[in-house]
Structures are given as C-alpha cells and as structure tokens.
Amino acid sequence: MEGYCFKCRVKKEMKDPQAVTLKNGRPANQGVCPTCGTKIFRIGKA
C-alpha cells in the first residue's frame, strides 16, 4: 500500500499497513514511513 509522507514529501510504500475505520465509517489504511518513521495515513482502499 502506497501513501504520501508529509515529512519526506514523496509517495512511499507503507511499512506495517493496518486497515482502520474512521468515525464516519469510511475505510482507511495507516502505516509507517520506512525512511523517517512518520505515520502515513491513506483514506479509502482498506
């Protein structure tokens, strides 16, 4: 799963992606940037 890292400012492959559900019921994925360790969050495609 690929997401945008705001710290590195590029799209990267998530490390340890997890499917989560937002408060409004929409699916999302949450992972970690392999380079800097910042959380990467992507809405949809859970």
PDB file of N, CA and C in Angstrom:
ATOM      1  N   MET A   1       0.849  -1.174   0.000  1.00  0.00           N
ATOM      2  CA  MET A   1       0.000   0.000   0.000  1.00  0.00           C
ATOM      3  C   MET A   1       0.890   1.231   0.000  1.00  0.00           C
ATOM      4  N   GLU A   2       0.591   2.144  -0.895  1.00  0.00           N
ATOM      5  CA  GLU A   2       1.393   3.352  -1.036  1.00  0.00           C
ATOM      6  C   GLU A   2       0.648   4.540  -0.434  1.00  0.00           C
ATOM      7  N   GLY A   3       1.375   5.427   0.209  1.00  0.00           N
ATOM      8  CA  GLY A   3       0.792   6.622   0.804  1.00  0.00           C
ATOM      9  C   GLY A   3       1.767   7.776   0.717  1.00  0.00           C
ATOM     10  N   TYR A   4       1.285   8.985   1.007  1.00  0.00           N
ATOM     11  CA  TYR A   4       2.111  10.181   0.918  1.00  0.00           C
ATOM     12  C   TYR A   4       2.679  10.523   2.290  1.00  0.00           C
ATOM     13  N   CYS A   5       4.001  10.627   2.360  1.00  0.00           N
ATOM     14  CA  CYS A   5       4.672  11.024   3.593  1.00  0.00           C
ATOM     15  C   CYS A   5       4.857  12.542   3.569  1.00  0.00           C
ATOM     16  N   PHE A   6       4.262  13.240   4.532  1.00  0.00           N
ATOM     17  CA  PHE A   6       4.339  14.693   4.561  1.00  0.00           C
ATOM     18  C   PHE A   6       5.723  15.187   4.997  1.00  0.00           C
ATOM     19  N   LYS A   7       6.458  14.380   5.727  1.00  0.00           N
ATOM     20  CA  LYS A   7       7.787  14.781   6.164  1.00  0.00           C
ATOM     21  C   LYS A   7       8.804  14.666   5.018  1.00  0.00           C
ATOM     22  N   CYS A   8       8.744  13.537   4.273  1.00  0.00           N
ATOM     23  CA  CYS A   8       9.651  13.327   3.140  1.00  0.00           C
ATOM     24  C   CYS A   8       9.150  14.014   1.866  1.00  0.00           C
ATOM     25  N   ARG A   9       7.833  14.316   1.826  1.00  0.00           N
ATOM     26  CA  ARG A   9       7.173  14.953   0.690  1.00  0.00           C
ATOM     27  C   ARG A   9       7.218  14.128  -0.594  1.00  0.00           C
ATOM     28  N   VAL A  10       7.091  12.812  -0.453  1.00  0.00           N
ATOM     29  CA  VAL A  10       7.021  11.902  -1.596  1.00  0.00           C
ATOM     30  C   VAL A  10       6.080  10.747  -1.263  1.00  0.00           C
ATOM     31  N   LYS A  11       5.593  10.057  -2.306  1.00  0.00           N
ATOM     32  CA  LYS A  11       4.793   8.854  -2.093  1.00  0.00           C
ATOM     33  C   LYS A  11       5.729   7.698  -1.824  1.00  0.00           C
ATOM     34  N   LYS A  12       5.409   6.922  -0.777  1.00  0.00           N
ATOM     35  CA  LYS A  12       6.249   5.784  -0.409  1.00  0.00           C
ATOM     36  C   LYS A  12       5.379   4.597  -0.045  1.00  0.00           C
ATOM     37  N   GLU A  13       5.983   3.430  -0.091  1.00  0.00           N
ATOM     38  CA  GLU A  13       5.305   2.199   0.310  1.00  0.00           C
ATOM     39  C   GLU A  13       5.231   2.165   1.838  1.00  0.00           C
ATOM     40  N   MET A  14       4.033   1.931   2.385  1.00  0.00           N
ATOM     41  CA  MET A  14       3.850   1.891   3.836  1.00  0.00           C
ATOM     42  C   MET A  14       4.502   0.651   4.437  1.00  0.00           C
ATOM     43  N   LYS A  15       5.052   0.833   5.621  1.00  0.00           N
ATOM     44  CA  LYS A  15       5.595  -0.286   6.374  1.00  0.00           C
ATOM     45  C   LYS A  15       4.549  -0.644   7.424  1.00  0.00           C
ATOM     46  N   ASP A  16       4.222  -1.914   7.557  1.00  0.00           N
ATOM     47  CA  ASP A  16       3.208  -2.404   8.500  1.00  0.00           C
ATOM     48  C   ASP A  16       1.846  -1.714   8.326  1.00  0.00           C
ATOM     49  N   PRO A  17       1.239  -1.770   7.123  1.00  0.00           N
ATOM     50  CA  PRO A  17      -0.070  -1.124   6.948  1.00  0.00           C
ATOM     51  C   PRO A  17      -1.170  -1.868   7.705  1.00  0.00           C
ATOM     52  N   GLN A  18      -2.089  -1.100   8.277  1.00  0.00           N
ATOM     53  CA  GLN A  18      -3.219  -1.668   9.010  1.00  0.00           C
ATOM     54  C   GLN A  18      -4.502  -1.023   8.510  1.00  0.00           C
ATOM     55  N   ALA A  19      -5.531  -1.838   8.301  1.00  0.00           N
ATOM     56  CA  ALA A  19      -6.840  -1.328   7.903  1.00  0.00           C
ATOM     57  C   ALA A  19      -7.542  -0.775   9.131  1.00  0.00           C
ATOM     58  N   VAL A  20      -8.015   0.460   9.039  1.00  0.00           N
ATOM     59  CA  VAL A  20      -8.758   1.101  10.124  1.00  0.00           C
ATOM     60  C   VAL A  20     -10.051   1.677   9.556  1.00  0.00           C
ATOM     61  N   THR A  21     -10.994   1.977  10.435  1.00  0.00           N
ATOM     62  CA  THR A  21     -12.255   2.594  10.037  1.00  0.00           C
ATOM     63  C   THR A  21     -12.359   3.940  10.730  1.00  0.00           C
ATOM     64  N   LEU A  22     -12.691   4.971   9.961  1.00  0.00           N
ATOM     65  CA  LEU A  22     -12.841   6.310  10.521  1.00  0.00           C
ATOM     66  C   LEU A  22     -14.154   6.418  11.293  1.00  0.00           C
ATOM     67  N   LYS A  23     -14.329   7.510  12.028  1.00  0.00           N
ATOM     68  CA  LYS A  23     -15.540   7.720  12.817  1.00  0.00           C
ATOM     69  C   LYS A  23     -16.789   7.724  11.948  1.00  0.00           C
ATOM     70  N   ASN A  24     -16.670   8.239  10.728  1.00  0.00           N
ATOM     71  CA  ASN A  24     -17.832   8.308   9.844  1.00  0.00           C
ATOM     72  C   ASN A  24     -18.054   7.018   9.055  1.00  0.00           C
ATOM     73  N   GLY A  25     -17.260   5.979   9.319  1.00  0.00           N
ATOM     74  CA  GLY A  25     -17.458   4.682   8.689  1.00  0.00           C
ATOM     75  C   GLY A  25     -16.638   4.436   7.433  1.00  0.00           C
ATOM     76  N   ARG A  26     -15.873   5.402   6.988  1.00  0.00           N
ATOM     77  CA  ARG A  26     -15.059   5.227   5.785  1.00  0.00           C
ATOM     78  C   ARG A  26     -13.828   4.381   6.084  1.00  0.00           C
ATOM     79  N   PRO A  27     -13.442   3.516   5.146  1.00  0.00           N
ATOM     80  CA  PRO A  27     -12.235   2.709   5.354  1.00  0.00           C
ATOM     81  C   PRO A  27     -10.972   3.531   5.110  1.00  0.00           C
ATOM     82  N   ALA A  28      -9.890   3.154   5.775  1.00  0.00           N
ATOM     83  CA  ALA A  28      -8.613   3.841   5.610  1.00  0.00           C
ATOM     84  C   ALA A  28      -7.487   2.880   5.956  1.00  0.00           C
ATOM     85  N   ASN A  29      -6.276   3.270   5.603  1.00  0.00           N
ATOM     86  CA  ASN A  29      -5.083   2.497   5.944  1.00  0.00           C
ATOM     87  C   ASN A  29      -4.103   3.399   6.669  1.00  0.00           C
ATOM     88  N   GLN A  30      -3.432   2.829   7.659  1.00  0.00           N
ATOM     89  CA  GLN A  30      -2.454   3.562   8.443  1.00  0.00           C
ATOM     90  C   GLN A  30      -1.183   2.740   8.514  1.00  0.00           C
ATOM     91  N   GLY A  31      -0.047   3.399   8.283  1.00  0.00           N
ATOM     92  CA  GLY A  31       1.229   2.706   8.332  1.00  0.00           C
ATOM     93  C   GLY A  31       2.334   3.645   8.759  1.00  0.00           C
ATOM     94  N   VAL A  32       3.572   3.217   8.523  1.00  0.00           N
ATOM     95  CA  VAL A  32       4.742   3.993   8.929  1.00  0.00           C
ATOM     96  C   VAL A  32       5.649   4.175   7.720  1.00  0.00           C
ATOM     97  N   CYS A  33       6.258   5.349   7.599  1.00  0.00           N
ATOM     98  CA  CYS A  33       7.223   5.615   6.532  1.00  0.00           C
ATOM     99  C   CYS A  33       8.503   4.831   6.829  1.00  0.00           C
ATOM    100  N   PRO A  34       8.995   4.047   5.867  1.00  0.00           N
ATOM    101  CA  PRO A  34      10.205   3.260   6.117  1.00  0.00           C
ATOM    102  C   PRO A  34      11.467   4.109   6.273  1.00  0.00           C
ATOM    103  N   THR A  35      11.456   5.338   5.758  1.00  0.00           N
ATOM    104  CA  THR A  35      12.639   6.195   5.817  1.00  0.00           C
ATOM    105  C   THR A  35      12.724   6.989   7.120  1.00  0.00           C
ATOM    106  N   CYS A  36      11.645   7.734   7.435  1.00  0.00           N
ATOM    107  CA  CYS A  36      11.714   8.650   8.577  1.00  0.00           C
ATOM    108  C   CYS A  36      10.916   8.189   9.789  1.00  0.00           C
ATOM    109  N   GLY A  37      10.021   7.204   9.638  1.00  0.00           N
ATOM    110  CA  GLY A  37       9.263   6.689  10.764  1.00  0.00           C
ATOM    111  C   GLY A  37       7.994   7.454  11.079  1.00  0.00           C
ATOM    112  N   THR A  38       7.607   8.410  10.229  1.00  0.00           N
ATOM    113  CA  THR A  38       6.387   9.181  10.426  1.00  0.00           C
ATOM    114  C   THR A  38       5.173   8.344  10.045  1.00  0.00           C
ATOM    115  N   LYS A  39       4.028   8.585  10.696  1.00  0.00           N
ATOM    116  CA  LYS A  39       2.795   7.887  10.343  1.00  0.00           C
ATOM    117  C   LYS A  39       2.337   8.324   8.960  1.00  0.00           C
ATOM    118  N   ILE A  40       1.921   7.357   8.146  1.00  0.00           N
ATOM    119  CA  ILE A  40       1.329   7.622   6.834  1.00  0.00           C
ATOM    120  C   ILE A  40      -0.112   7.155   6.911  1.00  0.00           C
ATOM    121  N   PHE A  41      -1.019   7.984   6.423  1.00  0.00           N
ATOM    122  CA  PHE A  41      -2.446   7.700   6.503  1.00  0.00           C
ATOM    123  C   PHE A  41      -3.045   7.854   5.121  1.00  0.00           C
ATOM    124  N   ARG A  42      -3.854   6.870   4.710  1.00  0.00           N
ATOM    125  CA  ARG A  42      -4.489   6.945   3.408  1.00  0.00           C
ATOM    126  C   ARG A  42      -5.957   6.558   3.539  1.00  0.00           C
ATOM    127  N   ILE A  43      -6.836   7.452   3.109  1.00  0.00           N
ATOM    128  CA  ILE A  43      -8.272   7.204   3.184  1.00  0.00           C
ATOM    129  C   ILE A  43      -8.703   6.414   1.963  1.00  0.00           C
ATOM    130  N   GLY A  44      -9.524   5.400   2.188  1.00  0.00           N
ATOM    131  CA  GLY A  44     -10.038   4.572   1.108  1.00  0.00           C
ATOM    132  C   GLY A  44      -9.163   3.361   0.860  1.00  0.00           C
ATOM    133  N   LYS A  45      -9.696   2.404   0.110  1.00  0.00           N
ATOM    134  CA  LYS A  45      -8.963   1.190  -0.293  1.00  0.00           C
ATOM    135  C   LYS A  45      -8.431   0.405   0.898  1.00  0.00           C
ATOM    136  N   ALA A  46      -9.261   0.201   1.881  1.00  0.00           N
ATOM    137  CA  ALA A  46      -8.832  -0.555   3.062  1.00  0.00           C
ATOM    138  C   ALA A  46      -8.784  -2.037   2.788  1.00  0.00           C
TER     139      ALA A  46
END
